[in-house]
Amino acid sequence: MPIIRRYEKNPILTKEDVPYPVATVHNAGITRYNDRYIMIFRSHLTSGRSILGLAESDDGFRFTVTEKPFMTPATQGIFQVYEEYGIEDPRITCIDGEYLITYSAYSRYGARIALAKTRDFNKIERFALITEADYRNLVIFPEKIDGRYARLDRPHSGITPWSIWISYSPDLKYWGGSRLIMKPAQYHWDEMKIGPGAPPIKTDQGWLNIYHGVFQTMAGCVYRLGVALHDLTNPSIIRGVSDGWILQPEEEYEITGYVPNVVFTCGAVPESDGTLKIYWGAADTVMCVGTADINDLVDLCLKNPRAAV
């Protein structure tokens, strides 16, 4: 039996489900709000630049898109400068009733991570640009660690393979204490680069980090999903990284599309029955969902691990 069981009616969201013109629907952050599932998804416009849309669901499988985009690139101030080329790949973390949305801001100066806040998914506050260039894939832990916010991210580096780092903040604006904690494994399914996917999920055994890994083939890159387990009290310590992937492109909608051979997650929702709904963009074109048992994912990290660095 596969670790992640694909929903039989995938894909769950396509461009045809969006009531305004877009070319794709993919790489969506997910959360629960007022007993509903909220999805903030990325869409390419026909210009090739990206905006963020919003969809809602009662069951986490059947989503309805709102009439207008959720966020479009800023038109004034400092955010206008750094969102000039589009906004991409949102992640959502809830802390004390406040929803923190991190997203990639693209401009002529590279990719930075911006942070927006909301309490109701109607009123949005752009709070801060919280990295320099070139950063991607930033996720915030859903609770403070020793009184500080914590995050995982993936800065670009030309010296070492693109790896996962951890940082801390007293106020969500100023970050430090940064260190590299997880690297790709040579000649492994994630040897080219890795990056955080969904915001970490708290379990009895540690913080579950569903990440993406990339392998370069003669036919191009393949994006897969893996899983790592971080220590609960000190998440810079990784208790284990599963040696094998948990999801790879297999279905036609994952193999063929805007970017072929991609499964890419920005969100997962734990359920009361011990399962996890994992959402992924397929081929940078459509949105999909599957379920997994949280204990199975933890066991993969602890029973068949590879080195983290």
Protein backbone atom coordinates (compact mmCIF):
# COMPACT_ATOMS: atom_id res chain seq x y z
CA MET A 1 0.00 0.00 0.00
CA PRO A 2 1.39 3.46 -0.86
CA ILE A 3 2.38 5.79 1.99
CA ILE A 4 0.23 8.57 0.52
CA ARG A 5 -3.14 7.46 -0.80
CA ARG A 6 -4.20 9.69 -3.68
CA TYR A 7 -7.78 11.00 -3.67
CA GLU A 8 -9.63 9.11 -6.40
CA LYS A 9 -11.07 12.33 -7.86
CA ASN A 10 -7.76 14.17 -8.28
CA PRO A 11 -7.07 16.78 -9.42
CA ILE A 12 -9.25 18.69 -6.97
CA LEU A 13 -8.72 22.14 -8.51
CA THR A 14 -7.91 23.22 -12.05
CA LYS A 15 -7.94 26.50 -13.97
CA GLU A 16 -11.48 25.66 -15.12
CA ASP A 17 -12.64 25.96 -11.49
CA VAL A 18 -11.44 29.58 -11.23
CA PRO A 19 -13.99 32.33 -12.09
CA TYR A 20 -11.32 34.68 -13.46
CA PRO A 21 -8.73 34.04 -16.20
CA VAL A 22 -5.69 31.99 -15.08
CA ALA A 23 -3.43 29.47 -16.79
CA THR A 24 -2.67 27.20 -13.79
CA VAL A 25 -3.70 26.37 -10.21
CA HIS A 26 -0.92 24.96 -8.04
CA ASN A 27 1.38 25.11 -4.98
CA ALA A 28 -1.27 25.98 -2.39
CA GLY A 29 -1.03 26.64 1.32
CA ILE A 30 -3.79 25.01 3.40
CA THR A 31 -5.25 25.62 6.86
CA ARG A 32 -8.43 25.20 8.92
CA TYR A 33 -10.54 28.25 9.75
CA ASN A 34 -14.00 28.14 11.40
CA ASP A 35 -14.26 24.39 10.71
CA ARG A 36 -13.58 24.94 7.02
CA TYR A 37 -10.53 24.27 4.90
CA ILE A 38 -8.94 27.35 3.40
CA MET A 39 -6.68 26.97 0.37
CA ILE A 40 -4.53 29.83 -0.90
CA PHE A 41 -3.23 28.78 -4.30
CA ARG A 42 -0.81 30.15 -6.84
CA SER A 43 -1.90 30.80 -10.42
CA HIS A 44 0.03 31.87 -13.47
CA LEU A 45 -1.59 34.62 -15.49
CA THR A 46 -1.22 34.53 -19.26
CA SER A 47 1.64 36.99 -18.78
CA GLY A 48 3.51 34.20 -16.97
CA ARG A 49 3.49 36.08 -13.66
CA SER A 50 1.77 34.73 -10.57
CA ILE A 51 -1.04 35.80 -8.23
CA LEU A 52 -2.72 34.10 -5.27
CA GLY A 53 -6.32 32.88 -5.20
CA LEU A 54 -8.50 31.53 -2.39
CA ALA A 55 -10.79 28.49 -2.25
CA GLU A 56 -12.88 27.01 0.58
CA SER A 57 -14.13 23.53 1.42
CA ASP A 58 -16.20 21.73 4.04
CA ASP A 59 -14.44 18.39 3.64
CA GLY A 60 -10.94 19.19 2.37
CA PHE A 61 -11.63 17.58 -1.01
CA ARG A 62 -14.24 19.68 -2.83
CA PHE A 63 -13.22 23.34 -3.06
CA THR A 64 -14.99 26.46 -4.32
CA VAL A 65 -12.91 29.41 -5.51
CA THR A 66 -13.84 32.96 -4.50
CA GLU A 67 -14.92 35.40 -7.19
CA LYS A 68 -11.77 37.52 -7.05
CA PRO A 69 -8.05 36.83 -6.43
CA PHE A 70 -6.95 36.78 -2.81
CA MET A 71 -3.68 38.69 -3.32
CA THR A 72 -2.09 40.33 -6.31
CA PRO A 73 1.31 42.06 -6.45
CA ALA A 74 1.42 45.24 -4.37
CA THR A 75 1.00 48.54 -6.22
CA GLN A 76 2.73 50.87 -3.77
CA GLY A 77 5.50 51.08 -1.20
CA ILE A 78 8.36 48.69 -0.53
CA PHE A 79 6.26 45.64 -1.38
CA GLN A 80 5.60 47.01 -4.87
CA VAL A 81 9.35 47.08 -5.51
CA TYR A 82 9.87 43.45 -4.53
CA GLU A 83 6.61 41.95 -5.87
CA GLU A 84 7.04 43.45 -9.33
CA TYR A 85 7.28 40.05 -11.09
CA GLY A 86 4.66 38.21 -9.06
CA ILE A 87 3.89 36.42 -5.79
CA GLU A 88 4.15 32.66 -5.41
CA ASP A 89 3.96 29.50 -3.27
CA PRO A 90 2.14 30.56 -0.07
CA ARG A 91 2.35 28.70 3.24
CA ILE A 92 -0.07 29.28 6.13
CA THR A 93 0.64 28.95 9.86
CA CYS A 94 -1.84 29.78 12.64
CA ILE A 95 -0.49 31.04 15.97
CA ASP A 96 -2.86 32.42 18.63
CA GLY A 97 -5.71 32.92 16.17
CA GLU A 98 -3.56 34.86 13.71
CA TYR A 99 -2.83 33.34 10.32
CA LEU A 100 0.69 33.96 9.05
CA ILE A 101 1.07 33.70 5.28
CA THR A 102 4.58 33.49 3.87
CA TYR A 103 5.07 33.76 0.11
CA SER A 104 7.80 34.30 -2.45
CA ALA A 105 8.03 37.84 -3.82
CA TYR A 106 9.70 38.08 -7.23
CA SER A 107 11.29 41.15 -8.78
CA ARG A 108 14.27 42.25 -10.84
CA TYR A 109 16.24 41.91 -7.58
CA GLY A 110 15.54 38.18 -7.15
CA ALA A 111 13.25 36.18 -4.87
CA ARG A 112 12.53 37.25 -1.29
CA ILE A 113 10.09 35.95 1.29
CA ALA A 114 7.28 38.23 2.43
CA LEU A 115 4.98 37.75 5.42
CA ALA A 116 1.32 38.76 5.49
CA LYS A 117 -1.16 38.40 8.37
CA THR A 118 -4.90 37.86 8.61
CA ARG A 119 -7.48 36.79 11.18
CA ASP A 120 -10.42 36.30 8.84
CA PHE A 121 -9.04 35.86 5.27
CA ASN A 122 -10.74 39.10 4.29
CA LYS A 123 -8.54 41.83 5.71
CA ILE A 124 -4.87 41.23 4.84
CA GLU A 125 -1.87 43.06 6.30
CA ARG A 126 1.44 42.88 4.48
CA PHE A 127 3.69 42.76 7.54
CA ALA A 128 7.34 42.54 6.44
CA LEU A 129 9.86 41.26 3.95
CA ILE A 130 11.64 38.74 6.16
CA THR A 131 14.58 37.59 4.01
CA GLU A 132 17.01 39.02 1.55
CA ALA A 133 17.44 37.50 -1.92
CA ASP A 134 17.67 34.64 -2.81
CA TYR A 135 15.32 32.64 -0.54
CA ARG A 136 12.46 30.24 -1.22
CA ASN A 137 10.21 27.80 0.65
CA LEU A 138 9.87 29.46 4.05
CA VAL A 139 7.62 27.77 6.63
CA ILE A 140 6.91 28.97 10.18
CA PHE A 141 6.43 26.52 13.07
CA PRO A 142 2.87 26.66 14.49
CA GLU A 143 4.04 27.49 18.02
CA LYS A 144 6.94 29.32 19.62
CA ILE A 145 10.08 27.44 20.66
CA ASP A 146 11.54 28.74 23.94
CA GLY A 147 9.57 31.95 23.51
CA ARG A 148 10.71 32.59 19.95
CA TYR A 149 9.17 32.06 16.55
CA ALA A 150 10.99 29.46 14.46
CA ARG A 151 11.15 28.91 10.73
CA LEU A 152 12.66 26.65 8.09
CA ASP A 153 13.76 28.01 4.73
CA ARG A 154 16.00 27.32 1.74
CA PRO A 155 18.46 30.02 0.67
CA HIS A 156 20.23 29.68 -2.65
CA SER A 157 23.93 28.88 -2.55
CA GLY A 158 26.47 28.26 -5.27
CA ILE A 159 28.92 26.63 -2.87
CA THR A 160 26.83 23.92 -1.21
CA PRO A 161 23.68 22.18 -2.54
CA TRP A 162 20.44 24.02 -1.79
CA SER A 163 19.69 22.97 1.78
CA ILE A 164 17.27 23.53 4.67
CA TRP A 165 18.15 26.10 7.35
CA ILE A 166 16.50 27.07 10.63
CA SER A 167 16.18 30.58 12.12
CA TYR A 168 14.47 32.23 15.10
CA SER A 169 12.75 35.55 15.80
CA PRO A 170 11.33 37.45 18.79
CA ASP A 171 8.80 39.39 16.68
CA LEU A 172 8.43 37.75 13.22
CA LYS A 173 10.29 40.68 11.64
CA TYR A 174 13.92 40.25 12.71
CA TRP A 175 15.43 36.78 12.36
CA GLY A 176 18.73 35.25 13.45
CA GLY A 177 20.44 32.27 15.04
CA SER A 178 20.48 30.73 11.59
CA ARG A 179 22.12 27.40 10.85
CA LEU A 180 22.08 24.73 8.19
CA ILE A 181 20.41 21.56 9.49
CA MET A 182 19.67 19.36 6.48
CA LYS A 183 21.37 18.80 3.12
CA PRO A 184 20.61 16.77 0.00
CA ALA A 185 22.23 13.33 -0.09
CA GLN A 186 24.69 12.63 -2.89
CA TYR A 187 23.34 10.34 -5.63
CA HIS A 188 20.05 10.15 -3.82
CA TRP A 189 16.51 10.98 -4.96
CA ASP A 190 16.91 14.51 -3.49
CA GLU A 191 20.55 15.11 -4.40
CA MET A 192 20.12 18.32 -6.42
CA LYS A 193 18.20 20.43 -3.89
CA ILE A 194 15.71 20.24 -1.06
CA GLY A 195 13.31 22.69 0.55
CA PRO A 196 10.62 22.81 3.25
CA GLY A 197 7.13 22.03 1.99
CA ALA A 198 4.27 22.14 4.47
CA PRO A 199 4.63 23.99 7.80
CA PRO A 200 5.86 21.49 10.42
CA ILE A 201 3.27 19.23 12.03
CA LYS A 202 3.53 18.48 15.75
CA THR A 203 3.52 14.81 16.77
CA ASP A 204 4.37 12.98 19.99
CA GLN A 205 7.72 11.99 18.47
CA GLY A 206 8.72 15.35 17.01
CA TRP A 207 7.98 17.94 14.35
CA LEU A 208 7.12 16.32 11.03
CA ASN A 209 8.64 18.17 8.07
CA ILE A 210 7.27 17.20 4.66
CA TYR A 211 9.83 18.53 2.21
CA HIS A 212 10.49 18.41 -1.51
CA GLY A 213 13.59 16.98 -3.11
CA VAL A 214 14.84 17.29 -6.67
CA PHE A 215 16.80 14.83 -8.81
CA GLN A 216 18.40 15.79 -12.13
CA THR A 217 17.86 13.27 -14.92
CA MET A 218 18.85 13.23 -18.58
CA ALA A 219 15.24 14.24 -19.35
CA GLY A 220 15.08 17.06 -16.77
CA CYS A 221 14.33 17.43 -13.07
CA VAL A 222 11.99 15.23 -11.04
CA TYR A 223 10.35 16.74 -7.91
CA ARG A 224 9.34 14.29 -5.17
CA LEU A 225 8.23 14.55 -1.53
CA GLY A 226 10.10 13.24 1.50
CA VAL A 227 9.74 13.46 5.26
CA ALA A 228 12.00 14.37 8.18
CA LEU A 229 11.43 14.45 11.94
CA HIS A 230 12.75 17.30 14.10
CA ASP A 231 13.18 17.29 17.88
CA LEU A 232 10.20 18.88 19.67
CA THR A 233 12.15 21.14 22.03
CA ASN A 234 15.11 21.85 19.75
CA PRO A 235 14.00 21.54 16.11
CA SER A 236 17.51 22.23 14.85
CA ILE A 237 18.12 18.59 15.85
CA ILE A 238 16.81 16.16 13.25
CA ARG A 239 15.88 12.78 14.69
CA GLY A 240 15.65 11.15 11.29
CA VAL A 241 15.16 11.67 7.56
CA SER A 242 13.35 8.94 5.65
CA ASP A 243 15.70 7.32 3.16
CA GLY A 244 12.97 6.97 0.55
CA TRP A 245 10.49 9.39 -0.95
CA ILE A 246 6.83 9.33 0.09
CA LEU A 247 5.38 10.61 -3.20
CA GLN A 248 6.65 10.87 -6.75
CA PRO A 249 5.04 11.89 -10.07
CA GLU A 250 3.12 8.88 -11.39
CA GLU A 251 -0.28 10.03 -12.61
CA GLU A 252 -0.71 11.71 -15.99
CA TYR A 253 -1.59 15.06 -14.34
CA GLU A 254 1.71 14.92 -12.39
CA ILE A 255 3.89 13.83 -15.29
CA THR A 256 2.50 16.19 -17.95
CA GLY A 257 1.85 19.91 -17.59
CA TYR A 258 3.43 23.34 -17.35
CA VAL A 259 6.47 21.81 -15.57
CA PRO A 260 6.51 18.03 -16.11
CA ASN A 261 7.32 15.48 -13.39
CA VAL A 262 6.52 17.62 -10.34
CA VAL A 263 4.73 17.00 -7.05
CA PHE A 264 5.22 20.01 -4.76
CA THR A 265 3.57 20.62 -1.40
CA CYS A 266 2.98 23.86 0.48
CA GLY A 267 0.45 22.55 3.00
CA ALA A 268 -0.92 19.62 5.00
CA VAL A 269 -3.71 19.36 7.57
CA PRO A 270 -3.62 16.86 10.48
CA GLU A 271 -6.95 15.23 11.30
CA SER A 272 -8.35 13.95 14.60
CA ASP A 273 -8.22 10.32 13.41
CA GLY A 274 -4.42 10.36 13.13
CA THR A 275 -4.31 10.91 9.39
CA LEU A 276 -2.85 13.78 7.43
CA LYS A 277 -4.29 15.41 4.34
CA ILE A 278 -1.36 16.36 2.13
CA TYR A 279 -1.91 18.79 -0.76
CA TRP A 280 0.39 19.16 -3.73
CA GLY A 281 0.67 21.03 -6.97
CA ALA A 282 1.03 18.59 -9.89
CA ALA A 283 3.20 19.58 -12.86
CA ASP A 284 2.74 23.23 -11.81
CA THR A 285 -0.73 22.97 -13.37
CA VAL A 286 -3.39 21.52 -11.01
CA MET A 287 -3.97 20.86 -7.28
CA CYS A 288 -4.19 17.39 -5.74
CA VAL A 289 -4.69 15.81 -2.33
CA GLY A 290 -3.94 12.52 -0.63
CA THR A 291 -4.03 11.05 2.86
CA ALA A 292 -1.39 9.34 4.99
CA ASP A 293 -1.17 7.97 8.51
CA ILE A 294 0.95 10.28 10.66
CA ASN A 295 2.46 7.33 12.57
CA ASP A 296 3.59 5.76 9.29
CA LEU A 297 5.42 8.95 8.33
CA VAL A 298 7.09 9.14 11.75
CA ASP A 299 8.14 5.49 11.50
CA LEU A 300 9.77 6.13 8.12
CA CYS A 301 11.98 8.76 9.72
CA LEU A 302 12.97 6.67 12.73
CA LYS A 303 13.25 3.15 11.29
CA ASN A 304 14.96 3.71 7.95
CA PRO A 305 16.80 7.01 8.16
CA ARG A 306 19.56 8.59 6.14
CA ALA A 307 21.99 11.21 7.41
CA ALA A 308 20.58 14.74 7.66
CA VAL A 309 23.86 16.47 6.72
